[in-house]
PDB file of N, CA and C in Angstrom:
ATOM      1  N   MET A   1     118.833 119.481 135.828  1.00  0.00           N
ATOM      2  CA  MET A   1     120.223 118.574 134.422  1.00  0.00           C
ATOM      3  C   MET A   1     121.064 117.754 135.441  1.00  0.00           C
ATOM      4  N   VAL A   2     120.363 116.308 135.027  1.00  0.00           N
ATOM      5  CA  VAL A   2     121.229 115.807 135.570  1.00  0.00           C
ATOM      6  C   VAL A   2     123.175 115.718 135.696  1.00  0.00           C
ATOM      7  N   LYS A   3     123.568 115.590 136.143  1.00  0.00           N
ATOM      8  CA  LYS A   3     124.984 115.921 136.530  1.00  0.00           C
ATOM      9  C   LYS A   3     125.882 114.543 135.891  1.00  0.00           C
ATOM     10  N   LYS A   4     126.642 114.600 135.546  1.00  0.00           N
ATOM     11  CA  LYS A   4     127.734 113.308 134.390  1.00  0.00           C
ATOM     12  C   LYS A   4     127.667 112.835 135.966  1.00  0.00           C
ATOM     13  N   ILE A   5     128.939 111.713 136.748  1.00  0.00           N
ATOM     14  CA  ILE A   5     129.792 112.065 138.565  1.00  0.00           C
ATOM     15  C   ILE A   5     130.848 111.002 137.213  1.00  0.00           C
ATOM     16  N   ALA A   6     132.060 110.726 137.235  1.00  0.00           N
ATOM     17  CA  ALA A   6     132.305 109.372 137.455  1.00  0.00           C
ATOM     18  C   ALA A   6     133.367 109.062 138.110  1.00  0.00           C
ATOM     19  N   ILE A   7     133.792 107.920 139.252  1.00  0.00           N
ATOM     20  CA  ILE A   7     134.411 108.289 140.819  1.00  0.00           C
ATOM     21  C   ILE A   7     135.071 106.669 140.183  1.00  0.00           C
ATOM     22  N   ILE A   8     136.378 107.007 140.383  1.00  0.00           N
ATOM     23  CA  ILE A   8     137.635 105.782 139.523  1.00  0.00           C
ATOM     24  C   ILE A   8     138.474 105.423 140.909  1.00  0.00           C
ATOM     25  N   GLY A   9     137.438 104.305 141.429  1.00  0.00           N
ATOM     26  CA  GLY A   9     138.013 102.998 142.623  1.00  0.00           C
ATOM     27  C   GLY A   9     136.584 103.388 143.376  1.00  0.00           C
ATOM     28  N   ALA A  10     136.014 101.734 143.681  1.00  0.00           N
ATOM     29  CA  ALA A  10     135.531 101.095 144.321  1.00  0.00           C
ATOM     30  C   ALA A  10     134.865 100.679 146.285  1.00  0.00           C
ATOM     31  N   GLY A  11     136.041 102.006 146.169  1.00  0.00           N
ATOM     32  CA  GLY A  11     137.318 101.437 147.897  1.00  0.00           C
ATOM     33  C   GLY A  11     135.687 101.886 148.201  1.00  0.00           C
ATOM     34  N   SER A  12     136.665 102.189 149.943  1.00  0.00           N
ATOM     35  CA  SER A  12     135.274 102.636 150.942  1.00  0.00           C
ATOM     36  C   SER A  12     134.605 103.734 150.586  1.00  0.00           C
ATOM     37  N   SER A  13     136.300 104.677 150.096  1.00  0.00           N
ATOM     38  CA  SER A  13     135.556 106.108 149.867  1.00  0.00           C
ATOM     39  C   SER A  13     134.487 106.136 148.598  1.00  0.00           C
ATOM     40  N   GLY A  14     135.312 106.068 147.165  1.00  0.00           N
ATOM     41  CA  GLY A  14     134.745 105.534 146.488  1.00  0.00           C
ATOM     42  C   GLY A  14     133.018 105.593 146.790  1.00  0.00           C
ATOM     43  N   LEU A  15     132.743 104.595 147.008  1.00  0.00           N
ATOM     44  CA  LEU A  15     131.660 103.975 147.083  1.00  0.00           C
ATOM     45  C   LEU A  15     130.306 104.418 148.033  1.00  0.00           C
ATOM     46  N   LEU A  16     130.690 105.501 149.294  1.00  0.00           N
ATOM     47  CA  LEU A  16     130.427 106.003 149.823  1.00  0.00           C
ATOM     48  C   LEU A  16     130.211 107.590 149.804  1.00  0.00           C
ATOM     49  N   LEU A  17     130.932 108.262 148.865  1.00  0.00           N
ATOM     50  CA  LEU A  17     130.731 109.826 147.957  1.00  0.00           C
ATOM     51  C   LEU A  17     129.541 108.726 146.964  1.00  0.00           C
ATOM     52  N   ALA A  18     129.489 107.808 146.119  1.00  0.00           N
ATOM     53  CA  ALA A  18     128.644 107.191 145.843  1.00  0.00           C
ATOM     54  C   ALA A  18     126.936 107.345 146.155  1.00  0.00           C
ATOM     55  N   HIS A  19     127.011 106.693 147.391  1.00  0.00           N
ATOM     56  CA  HIS A  19     126.091 106.976 148.067  1.00  0.00           C
ATOM     57  C   HIS A  19     125.113 108.279 148.201  1.00  0.00           C
ATOM     58  N   TYR A  20     125.859 109.023 148.393  1.00  0.00           N
ATOM     59  CA  TYR A  20     125.671 110.402 149.360  1.00  0.00           C
ATOM     60  C   TYR A  20     125.029 110.961 147.711  1.00  0.00           C
ATOM     61  N   LEU A  21     125.554 110.908 146.687  1.00  0.00           N
ATOM     62  CA  LEU A  21     125.521 111.418 145.706  1.00  0.00           C
ATOM     63  C   LEU A  21     124.635 110.696 144.878  1.00  0.00           C
ATOM     64  N   LEU A  22     123.635 109.377 144.386  1.00  0.00           N
ATOM     65  CA  LEU A  22     122.829 109.588 144.916  1.00  0.00           C
ATOM     66  C   LEU A  22     121.768 109.266 145.341  1.00  0.00           C
ATOM     67  N   HIS A  23     121.415 110.173 146.485  1.00  0.00           N
ATOM     68  CA  HIS A  23     120.662 109.858 147.963  1.00  0.00           C
ATOM     69  C   HIS A  23     120.406 111.493 147.135  1.00  0.00           C
ATOM     70  N   ARG A  24     120.609 112.416 146.292  1.00  0.00           N
ATOM     71  CA  ARG A  24     120.757 113.172 146.533  1.00  0.00           C
ATOM     72  C   ARG A  24     119.576 113.727 145.776  1.00  0.00           C
ATOM     73  N   GLY A  25     118.488 112.577 144.756  1.00  0.00           N
ATOM     74  CA  GLY A  25     118.009 112.320 143.970  1.00  0.00           C
ATOM     75  C   GLY A  25     118.281 112.333 143.010  1.00  0.00           C
ATOM     76  N   ASP A  26     117.401 113.204 141.864  1.00  0.00           N
ATOM     77  CA  ASP A  26     117.741 112.766 140.308  1.00  0.00           C
ATOM     78  C   ASP A  26     119.126 113.628 140.238  1.00  0.00           C
ATOM     79  N   LYS A  27     118.920 114.212 140.999  1.00  0.00           N
ATOM     80  CA  LYS A  27     120.792 115.131 140.259  1.00  0.00           C
ATOM     81  C   LYS A  27     121.225 114.148 139.706  1.00  0.00           C
ATOM     82  N   TYR A  28     122.158 113.524 139.931  1.00  0.00           N
ATOM     83  CA  TYR A  28     123.420 112.601 139.678  1.00  0.00           C
ATOM     84  C   TYR A  28     124.007 111.769 139.031  1.00  0.00           C
ATOM     85  N   GLN A  29     124.050 111.334 137.723  1.00  0.00           N
ATOM     86  CA  GLN A  29     124.067 110.008 137.336  1.00  0.00           C
ATOM     87  C   GLN A  29     125.104 109.087 137.527  1.00  0.00           C
ATOM     88  N   VAL A  30     125.546 109.029 137.482  1.00  0.00           N
ATOM     89  CA  VAL A  30     127.269 107.512 138.892  1.00  0.00           C
ATOM     90  C   VAL A  30     127.456 106.973 138.067  1.00  0.00           C
ATOM     91  N   ASP A  31     128.813 106.644 137.546  1.00  0.00           N
ATOM     92  CA  ASP A  31     129.307 105.819 137.338  1.00  0.00           C
ATOM     93  C   ASP A  31     130.351 105.066 138.108  1.00  0.00           C
ATOM     94  N   ILE A  32     130.465 104.142 138.268  1.00  0.00           N
ATOM     95  CA  ILE A  32     131.834 103.463 139.282  1.00  0.00           C
ATOM     96  C   ILE A  32     133.070 103.750 138.369  1.00  0.00           C
ATOM     97  N   TYR A  33     134.636 103.270 138.375  1.00  0.00           N
ATOM     98  CA  TYR A  33     135.433 102.408 137.656  1.00  0.00           C
ATOM     99  C   TYR A  33     136.450 101.865 138.848  1.00  0.00           C
ATOM    100  N   GLU A  34     136.575 100.362 138.277  1.00  0.00           N
ATOM    101  CA  GLU A  34     137.364  99.822 139.323  1.00  0.00           C
ATOM    102  C   GLU A  34     138.432  98.367 138.793  1.00  0.00           C
ATOM    103  N   ARG A  35     139.388  98.725 138.452  1.00  0.00           N
ATOM    104  CA  ARG A  35     140.215  98.503 137.886  1.00  0.00           C
ATOM    105  C   ARG A  35     139.815  96.325 138.638  1.00  0.00           C
ATOM    106  N   ARG A  36     139.688  95.926 139.316  1.00  0.00           N
ATOM    107  CA  ARG A  36     139.239  95.303 140.036  1.00  0.00           C
ATOM    108  C   ARG A  36     137.767  93.854 139.507  1.00  0.00           C
ATOM    109  N   SER A  37     138.380  92.861 139.330  1.00  0.00           N
ATOM    110  CA  SER A  37     137.582  92.454 138.861  1.00  0.00           C
ATOM    111  C   SER A  37     135.727  92.064 139.911  1.00  0.00           C
ATOM    112  N   ASP A  38     134.594  91.991 139.927  1.00  0.00           N
ATOM    113  CA  ASP A  38     133.543  92.680 140.488  1.00  0.00           C
ATOM    114  C   ASP A  38     133.815  91.066 141.663  1.00  0.00           C
ATOM    115  N   PRO A  39     133.447  91.902 143.543  1.00  0.00           N
ATOM    116  CA  PRO A  39     133.828  90.831 144.624  1.00  0.00           C
ATOM    117  C   PRO A  39     133.001  89.326 143.885  1.00  0.00           C
ATOM    118  N   ARG A  40     131.533  90.219 143.406  1.00  0.00           N
ATOM    119  CA  ARG A  40     130.700  89.186 143.322  1.00  0.00           C
ATOM    120  C   ARG A  40     131.034  87.740 142.557  1.00  0.00           C
ATOM    121  N   THR A  41     131.991  87.801 141.898  1.00  0.00           N
ATOM    122  CA  THR A  41     131.689  86.857 140.870  1.00  0.00           C
ATOM    123  C   THR A  41     132.911  86.241 141.602  1.00  0.00           C
ATOM    124  N   VAL A  42     133.924  86.011 141.534  1.00  0.00           N
ATOM    125  CA  VAL A  42     134.849  86.056 142.400  1.00  0.00           C
ATOM    126  C   VAL A  42     134.538  85.399 143.645  1.00  0.00           C
ATOM    127  N   SER A  43     135.667  83.634 144.526  1.00  0.00           N
ATOM    128  CA  SER A  43     135.881  83.252 145.127  1.00  0.00           C
ATOM    129  C   SER A  43     136.431  83.755 146.389  1.00  0.00           C
ATOM    130  N   PHE A  44     135.374  83.711 147.161  1.00  0.00           N
ATOM    131  CA  PHE A  44     135.711  83.927 148.388  1.00  0.00           C
ATOM    132  C   PHE A  44     136.811  84.462 149.203  1.00  0.00           C
ATOM    133  N   SER A  45     137.918  83.762 148.869  1.00  0.00           N
ATOM    134  CA  SER A  45     139.758  83.248 148.676  1.00  0.00           C
ATOM    135  C   SER A  45     140.721  84.662 148.427  1.00  0.00           C
ATOM    136  N   ASN A  46     139.288  84.470 146.959  1.00  0.00           N
ATOM    137  CA  ASN A  46     140.540  85.520 146.481  1.00  0.00           C
ATOM    138  C   ASN A  46     139.865  87.348 146.018  1.00  0.00           C
ATOM    139  N   SER A  47     138.910  87.076 146.715  1.00  0.00           N
ATOM    140  CA  SER A  47     138.014  88.351 147.577  1.00  0.00           C
ATOM    141  C   SER A  47     138.738  89.120 147.807  1.00  0.00           C
ATOM    142  N   ARG A  48     139.037  90.846 147.383  1.00  0.00           N
ATOM    143  CA  ARG A  48     139.461  92.074 147.704  1.00  0.00           C
ATOM    144  C   ARG A  48     138.679  91.862 149.136  1.00  0.00           C
ATOM    145  N   THR A  49     139.514  92.852 150.597  1.00  0.00           N
ATOM    146  CA  THR A  49     139.058  92.912 150.978  1.00  0.00           C
ATOM    147  C   THR A  49     139.645  94.104 152.355  1.00  0.00           C
ATOM    148  N   TYR A  50     138.813  94.373 153.376  1.00  0.00           N
ATOM    149  CA  TYR A  50     139.556  95.842 153.366  1.00  0.00           C
ATOM    150  C   TYR A  50     138.949  95.620 154.308  1.00  0.00           C
ATOM    151  N   PRO A  51     139.387  96.020 156.152  1.00  0.00           N
ATOM    152  CA  PRO A  51     139.207  96.525 157.302  1.00  0.00           C
ATOM    153  C   PRO A  51     138.097  97.202 157.384  1.00  0.00           C
ATOM    154  N   ILE A  52     136.702  96.868 157.916  1.00  0.00           N
ATOM    155  CA  ILE A  52     135.479  97.762 158.221  1.00  0.00           C
ATOM    156  C   ILE A  52     135.200  98.504 159.628  1.00  0.00           C
ATOM    157  N   SER A  53     136.018  99.338 160.341  1.00  0.00           N
ATOM    158  CA  SER A  53     135.991  99.312 161.210  1.00  0.00           C
ATOM    159  C   SER A  53     135.552 100.968 160.947  1.00  0.00           C
ATOM    160  N   LEU A  54     134.579 101.252 161.881  1.00  0.00           N
ATOM    161  CA  LEU A  54     135.019 102.963 161.790  1.00  0.00           C
ATOM    162  C   LEU A  54     135.295 103.416 163.290  1.00  0.00           C
ATOM    163  N   ASN A  55     135.948 105.121 163.610  1.00  0.00           N
ATOM    164  CA  ASN A  55     135.546 104.994 164.474  1.00  0.00           C
ATOM    165  C   ASN A  55     134.369 106.390 165.023  1.00  0.00           C
ATOM    166  N   GLU A  56     134.740 106.993 165.747  1.00  0.00           N
ATOM    167  CA  GLU A  56     133.113 108.689 166.423  1.00  0.00           C
ATOM    168  C   GLU A  56     133.731 108.896 165.057  1.00  0.00           C
ATOM    169  N   ARG A  57     134.060 109.277 164.885  1.00  0.00           N
ATOM    170  CA  ARG A  57     134.665 109.910 163.121  1.00  0.00           C
ATOM    171  C   ARG A  57     133.960 109.580 162.068  1.00  0.00           C
ATOM    172  N   GLY A  58     133.690 108.305 161.661  1.00  0.00           N
ATOM    173  CA  GLY A  58     133.127 108.058 160.165  1.00  0.00           C
ATOM    174  C   GLY A  58     131.796 107.703 160.646  1.00  0.00           C
ATOM    175  N   MET A  59     131.392 107.458 161.900  1.00  0.00           N
ATOM    176  CA  MET A  59     130.275 107.059 162.703  1.00  0.00           C
ATOM    177  C   MET A  59     129.311 108.859 162.387  1.00  0.00           C
ATOM    178  N   SER A  60     130.177 109.757 162.838  1.00  0.00           N
ATOM    179  CA  SER A  60     129.360 110.623 162.667  1.00  0.00           C
ATOM    180  C   SER A  60     129.118 111.240 160.539  1.00  0.00           C
ATOM    181  N   ALA A  61     129.880 110.567 160.382  1.00  0.00           N
ATOM    182  CA  ALA A  61     129.690 111.075 158.501  1.00  0.00           C
ATOM    183  C   ALA A  61     127.645 109.768 158.502  1.00  0.00           C
ATOM    184  N   ASN A  62     127.668 108.903 158.956  1.00  0.00           N
ATOM    185  CA  ASN A  62     126.427 109.015 158.717  1.00  0.00           C
ATOM    186  C   ASN A  62     125.494 109.615 159.087  1.00  0.00           C
ATOM    187  N   PRO A  63     124.539 110.637 159.187  1.00  0.00           N
ATOM    188  CA  PRO A  63     123.345 110.516 160.038  1.00  0.00           C
ATOM    189  C   PRO A  63     122.837 109.941 160.935  1.00  0.00           C
ATOM    190  N   LYS A  64     122.299 109.345 160.387  1.00  0.00           N
ATOM    191  CA  LYS A  64     121.454 107.980 160.305  1.00  0.00           C
ATOM    192  C   LYS A  64     121.973 107.248 161.523  1.00  0.00           C
ATOM    193  N   ASN A  65     122.848 107.512 161.425  1.00  0.00           N
ATOM    194  CA  ASN A  65     123.828 107.225 163.332  1.00  0.00           C
ATOM    195  C   ASN A  65     123.857 108.018 164.317  1.00  0.00           C
ATOM    196  N   PRO A  66     123.052 107.831 164.508  1.00  0.00           N
ATOM    197  CA  PRO A  66     124.215 108.979 165.339  1.00  0.00           C
ATOM    198  C   PRO A  66     125.685 108.242 166.761  1.00  0.00           C
ATOM    199  N   VAL A  67     126.677 109.314 166.787  1.00  0.00           N
ATOM    200  CA  VAL A  67     127.414 108.240 167.637  1.00  0.00           C
ATOM    201  C   VAL A  67     127.107 109.001 168.912  1.00  0.00           C
ATOM    202  N   SER A  68     126.453 108.622 170.078  1.00  0.00           N
ATOM    203  CA  SER A  68     125.779 108.807 171.720  1.00  0.00           C
ATOM    204  C   SER A  68     127.873 109.152 172.104  1.00  0.00           C
ATOM    205  N   SER A  69     127.548 110.003 172.899  1.00  0.00           N
ATOM    206  CA  SER A  69     128.751 110.863 173.995  1.00  0.00           C
ATOM    207  C   SER A  69     128.730 110.134 174.304  1.00  0.00           C
ATOM    208  N   SER A  70     128.870 108.690 175.409  1.00  0.00           N
ATOM    209  CA  SER A  70     128.647 108.135 176.746  1.00  0.00           C
ATOM    210  C   SER A  70     130.270 107.597 176.367  1.00  0.00           C
TER     211      SER A  70
END
């Protein structure tokens, strides 16, 4: 049975949650709702930006990119 999930907000957390749910197979149907326009259709100067930098905790959340302990 497919569960329908609605995610409000297409920020970093909302997109990460959608990514995780969709990679769990065909268990979830995910809809993402965002108040702002699609950033692909807005000129670069008007687009929404936020810094993307991950600390050790953030990097360890992605099992395909383990953080080295050096």
